[in-house]
C-alpha atoms as a PDB file:
ATOM      1  CA  MET A   1      24.765  43.217 -12.360  1.00  0.00           C
ATOM      2  CA  SER A   2      21.957  45.093 -10.656  1.00  0.00           C
ATOM      3  CA  ILE A   3      18.171  44.834 -10.640  1.00  0.00           C
ATOM      4  CA  ARG A   4      15.974  47.841 -10.029  1.00  0.00           C
ATOM      5  CA  ALA A   5      12.527  49.233 -10.687  1.00  0.00           C
ATOM      6  CA  ALA A   6      12.276  50.710 -14.161  1.00  0.00           C
ATOM      7  CA  GLN A   7      12.009  54.443 -14.741  1.00  0.00           C
ATOM      8  CA  PRO A   8      10.450  56.239 -17.730  1.00  0.00           C
ATOM      9  CA  ARG A   9      13.942  56.779 -19.176  1.00  0.00           C
ATOM     10  CA  ASP A  10      14.329  52.973 -19.453  1.00  0.00           C
ATOM     11  CA  LEU A  11      11.336  52.391 -21.713  1.00  0.00           C
ATOM     12  CA  ALA A  12      13.060  52.708 -25.107  1.00  0.00           C
ATOM     13  CA  ALA A  13      15.578  49.973 -24.236  1.00  0.00           C
ATOM     14  CA  VAL A  14      12.903  47.767 -22.662  1.00  0.00           C
ATOM     15  CA  ILE A  15      10.639  48.103 -25.713  1.00  0.00           C
ATOM     16  CA  ALA A  16      13.483  47.037 -28.010  1.00  0.00           C
ATOM     17  CA  ALA A  17      14.086  43.977 -25.822  1.00  0.00           C
ATOM     18  CA  MET A  18      10.346  43.267 -25.669  1.00  0.00           C
ATOM     19  CA  GLN A  19      10.169  43.176 -29.447  1.00  0.00           C
ATOM     20  CA  ASP A  20      12.827  40.448 -29.462  1.00  0.00           C
ATOM     21  CA  PHE A  21      10.907  38.525 -26.781  1.00  0.00           C
ATOM     22  CA  TYR A  22       7.577  38.854 -28.613  1.00  0.00           C
ATOM     23  CA  THR A  23       9.167  37.652 -31.852  1.00  0.00           C
ATOM     24  CA  LEU A  24      10.688  34.668 -30.053  1.00  0.00           C
ATOM     25  CA  GLU A  25       7.370  33.817 -28.372  1.00  0.00           C
ATOM     26  CA  LYS A  26       5.336  34.443 -31.577  1.00  0.00           C
ATOM     27  CA  LEU A  27       3.208  37.102 -29.863  1.00  0.00           C
ATOM     28  CA  PRO A  28       1.539  39.991 -31.694  1.00  0.00           C
ATOM     29  CA  TRP A  29       3.703  43.116 -31.551  1.00  0.00           C
ATOM     30  CA  ASP A  30       2.624  46.748 -31.429  1.00  0.00           C
ATOM     31  CA  ALA A  31       5.356  49.071 -30.138  1.00  0.00           C
ATOM     32  CA  ALA A  32       3.019  52.003 -29.476  1.00  0.00           C
ATOM     33  CA  ARG A  33       0.594  49.817 -27.504  1.00  0.00           C
ATOM     34  CA  GLN A  34       3.412  48.279 -25.456  1.00  0.00           C
ATOM     35  CA  GLU A  35       4.854  51.705 -24.667  1.00  0.00           C
ATOM     36  CA  THR A  36       1.451  52.951 -23.480  1.00  0.00           C
ATOM     37  CA  LEU A  37       0.957  49.838 -21.353  1.00  0.00           C
ATOM     38  CA  LEU A  38       4.413  50.151 -19.800  1.00  0.00           C
ATOM     39  CA  GLN A  39       3.843  53.829 -19.037  1.00  0.00           C
ATOM     40  CA  ASN A  40       0.556  52.889 -17.359  1.00  0.00           C
ATOM     41  CA  LEU A  41       2.334  50.214 -15.342  1.00  0.00           C
ATOM     42  CA  LEU A  42       4.992  52.662 -14.154  1.00  0.00           C
ATOM     43  CA  GLN A  43       2.265  55.106 -13.100  1.00  0.00           C
ATOM     44  CA  THR A  44       0.162  52.457 -11.308  1.00  0.00           C
ATOM     45  CA  PRO A  45       2.383  50.606  -8.807  1.00  0.00           C
ATOM     46  CA  GLU A  46      -0.593  48.849  -7.214  1.00  0.00           C
ATOM     47  CA  ALA A  47      -1.099  47.037 -10.549  1.00  0.00           C
ATOM     48  CA  GLY A  48       2.449  45.671 -10.708  1.00  0.00           C
ATOM     49  CA  ARG A  49       6.027  46.538 -11.540  1.00  0.00           C
ATOM     50  CA  LEU A  50       8.583  46.508 -14.312  1.00  0.00           C
ATOM     51  CA  LEU A  51      12.007  45.366 -13.109  1.00  0.00           C
ATOM     52  CA  ILE A  52      15.140  45.723 -15.174  1.00  0.00           C
ATOM     53  CA  ALA A  53      18.475  43.973 -14.900  1.00  0.00           C
ATOM     54  CA  GLU A  54      21.517  45.979 -15.923  1.00  0.00           C
ATOM     55  CA  GLN A  55      25.109  45.077 -16.478  1.00  0.00           C
ATOM     56  CA  ASN A  56      27.617  47.893 -16.965  1.00  0.00           C
ATOM     57  CA  ALA A  57      24.720  50.381 -17.296  1.00  0.00           C
ATOM     58  CA  GLN A  58      23.293  48.343 -20.215  1.00  0.00           C
ATOM     59  CA  LEU A  59      19.893  46.635 -20.210  1.00  0.00           C
ATOM     60  CA  ALA A  60      20.472  42.914 -19.775  1.00  0.00           C
ATOM     61  CA  GLY A  61      16.905  41.768 -19.100  1.00  0.00           C
ATOM     62  CA  TYR A  62      13.536  42.668 -17.681  1.00  0.00           C
ATOM     63  CA  ALA A  63      10.587  41.210 -15.791  1.00  0.00           C
ATOM     64  CA  VAL A  64       6.970  42.328 -15.629  1.00  0.00           C
ATOM     65  CA  ILE A  65       5.071  41.443 -12.452  1.00  0.00           C
ATOM     66  CA  GLY A  66       1.334  42.000 -12.104  1.00  0.00           C
ATOM     67  CA  PHE A  67      -0.671  41.831  -8.894  1.00  0.00           C
ATOM     68  CA  CYS A  68      -3.884  39.785  -8.829  1.00  0.00           C
ATOM     69  CA  PHE A  69      -6.410  38.399  -6.338  1.00  0.00           C
ATOM     70  CA  SER A  70      -7.589  34.803  -5.987  1.00  0.00           C
ATOM     71  CA  LEU A  71      -9.582  32.902  -3.390  1.00  0.00           C
ATOM     72  CA  GLU A  72      -7.649  29.782  -4.365  1.00  0.00           C
ATOM     73  CA  PHE A  73      -4.410  31.547  -3.431  1.00  0.00           C
ATOM     74  CA  SER A  74      -5.810  33.018  -0.197  1.00  0.00           C
ATOM     75  CA  GLY A  75      -5.805  36.557  -1.494  1.00  0.00           C
ATOM     76  CA  ARG A  76      -3.227  38.527  -3.388  1.00  0.00           C
ATOM     77  CA  PHE A  77      -0.800  36.783  -5.730  1.00  0.00           C
ATOM     78  CA  ALA A  78       1.746  37.913  -8.297  1.00  0.00           C
ATOM     79  CA  LEU A  79       1.769  37.055 -11.965  1.00  0.00           C
ATOM     80  CA  LEU A  80       5.242  36.882 -13.476  1.00  0.00           C
ATOM     81  CA  ASP A  81       3.878  38.087 -16.785  1.00  0.00           C
ATOM     82  CA  GLU A  82       7.135  38.420 -18.719  1.00  0.00           C
ATOM     83  CA  LEU A  83      10.764  37.593 -18.052  1.00  0.00           C
ATOM     84  CA  TYR A  84      13.387  38.026 -20.733  1.00  0.00           C
ATOM     85  CA  VAL A  85      17.169  38.071 -20.687  1.00  0.00           C
ATOM     86  CA  LEU A  86      18.827  39.431 -23.816  1.00  0.00           C
ATOM     87  CA  PRO A  87      20.879  36.827 -25.716  1.00  0.00           C
ATOM     88  CA  ASP A  88      24.257  38.437 -24.940  1.00  0.00           C
ATOM     89  CA  PHE A  89      23.553  38.060 -21.205  1.00  0.00           C
ATOM     90  CA  GLN A  90      22.014  34.585 -21.101  1.00  0.00           C
ATOM     91  CA  GLY A  91      23.750  31.866 -19.116  1.00  0.00           C
ATOM     92  CA  GLN A  92      24.945  34.272 -16.420  1.00  0.00           C
ATOM     93  CA  GLY A  93      22.230  33.666 -13.824  1.00  0.00           C
ATOM     94  CA  LEU A  94      20.135  36.726 -14.709  1.00  0.00           C
ATOM     95  CA  SER A  95      16.895  34.752 -15.050  1.00  0.00           C
ATOM     96  CA  LYS A  96      17.378  33.400 -11.548  1.00  0.00           C
ATOM     97  CA  ALA A  97      18.222  36.863 -10.209  1.00  0.00           C
ATOM     98  CA  LEU A  98      15.112  38.375 -11.837  1.00  0.00           C
ATOM     99  CA  MET A  99      12.953  35.574 -10.420  1.00  0.00           C
ATOM    100  CA  GLN A 100      14.391  36.201  -6.948  1.00  0.00           C
ATOM    101  CA  ALA A 101      13.711  39.936  -7.307  1.00  0.00           C
ATOM    102  CA  ALA A 102      10.134  39.152  -8.385  1.00  0.00           C
ATOM    103  CA  GLU A 103       9.734  36.871  -5.356  1.00  0.00           C
ATOM    104  CA  GLN A 104      10.991  39.579  -3.010  1.00  0.00           C
ATOM    105  CA  LEU A 105       8.683  42.137  -4.626  1.00  0.00           C
ATOM    106  CA  ALA A 106       5.732  39.749  -4.268  1.00  0.00           C
ATOM    107  CA  GLN A 107       6.493  39.182  -0.591  1.00  0.00           C
ATOM    108  CA  GLU A 108       6.843  42.922   0.035  1.00  0.00           C
ATOM    109  CA  ASN A 109       3.383  43.348  -1.517  1.00  0.00           C
ATOM    110  CA  GLN A 110       1.760  40.639   0.636  1.00  0.00           C
ATOM    111  CA  CYS A 111       1.387  38.136  -2.193  1.00  0.00           C
ATOM    112  CA  LYS A 112       0.881  34.506  -1.233  1.00  0.00           C
ATOM    113  CA  ALA A 113       2.170  32.991  -4.480  1.00  0.00           C
ATOM    114  CA  ILE A 114       3.685  33.739  -7.854  1.00  0.00           C
ATOM    115  CA  ARG A 115       2.197  32.285 -11.018  1.00  0.00           C
ATOM    116  CA  LEU A 116       3.502  32.310 -14.557  1.00  0.00           C
ATOM    117  CA  GLU A 117       2.827  30.770 -17.907  1.00  0.00           C
ATOM    118  CA  VAL A 118       5.393  29.147 -20.131  1.00  0.00           C
ATOM    119  CA  SER A 119       4.906  27.900 -23.672  1.00  0.00           C
ATOM    120  CA  ASP A 120       4.813  24.156 -24.217  1.00  0.00           C
ATOM    121  CA  ASP A 121       7.415  24.618 -26.961  1.00  0.00           C
ATOM    122  CA  ASN A 122       9.928  26.341 -24.661  1.00  0.00           C
ATOM    123  CA  PRO A 123      11.522  23.553 -22.598  1.00  0.00           C
ATOM    124  CA  LYS A 124      14.554  25.717 -21.749  1.00  0.00           C
ATOM    125  CA  ALA A 125      12.392  28.288 -19.953  1.00  0.00           C
ATOM    126  CA  ARG A 126      10.279  25.568 -18.338  1.00  0.00           C
ATOM    127  CA  ASP A 127      13.425  23.920 -16.937  1.00  0.00           C
ATOM    128  CA  ILE A 128      14.663  27.240 -15.524  1.00  0.00           C
ATOM    129  CA  TYR A 129      11.353  27.719 -13.697  1.00  0.00           C
ATOM    130  CA  LEU A 130      11.265  24.121 -12.445  1.00  0.00           C
ATOM    131  CA  ARG A 131      14.802  24.476 -11.036  1.00  0.00           C
ATOM    132  CA  ALA A 132      13.666  27.674  -9.286  1.00  0.00           C
ATOM    133  CA  GLY A 133      10.920  25.749  -7.468  1.00  0.00           C
ATOM    134  CA  TYR A 134       7.900  26.416  -9.684  1.00  0.00           C
ATOM    135  CA  LYS A 135       5.553  23.457 -10.074  1.00  0.00           C
ATOM    136  CA  MET A 136       3.574  22.367 -13.122  1.00  0.00           C
ATOM    137  CA  GLN A 137      -0.166  22.623 -12.564  1.00  0.00           C
ATOM    138  CA  PRO A 138      -2.569  20.011 -13.947  1.00  0.00           C
ATOM    139  CA  ARG A 139      -4.596  22.697 -15.731  1.00  0.00           C
ATOM    140  CA  ARG A 140      -4.677  24.468 -19.052  1.00  0.00           C
ATOM    141  CA  LEU A 141      -4.593  28.220 -19.422  1.00  0.00           C
ATOM    142  CA  MET A 142      -7.728  29.501 -21.146  1.00  0.00           C
ATOM    143  CA  SER A 143      -8.534  33.043 -22.253  1.00  0.00           C
ATOM    144  CA  LEU A 144     -11.560  34.948 -23.470  1.00  0.00           C
ATOM    145  CA  TRP A 145     -10.635  38.223 -25.154  1.00  0.00           C
ATOM    146  CA  LEU A 146     -13.222  40.858 -24.223  1.00  0.00           C
ATOM    147  CA  GLU A 147     -11.641  43.318 -26.636  1.00  0.00           C
ATOM    148  CA  PRO A 148      -9.615  42.425 -29.705  1.00  0.00           C
ATOM    149  CA  LEU A 149      -5.920  43.221 -29.593  1.00  0.00           C
ATOM    150  CA  GLN A 150      -5.195  46.345 -31.562  1.00  0.00           C
END
């Protein structure tokens, strides 16, 4: 198993995996929008990174890390925006490996912390993050959409 930064040639496989993840998480799906966003991410490394995990040259999982700024976190922090391991590769430690790669990437980019969000109805994912050292925060995530999702 290896983890590396994604390249444009990886996008078709990542988008297929993303569609599975979005269906599982009940998120709105638009393949063209996601492809454009991923292309933008690959072209803008200061915004974040797309990491992929491969096993035998086959996509096994991916993680999207965004870079943010917060006074509360003493400056730059990373947002682990998405992490997904394809079903055939689950239970092999790939989530942990992707989290470790995200942590290393965050440190290399002078981030002070990594944040993520996990659905209340996904205890399996929450337990993985808790075992990795993430802590529950006594706050609720709130959002204000400035533009409607297309």
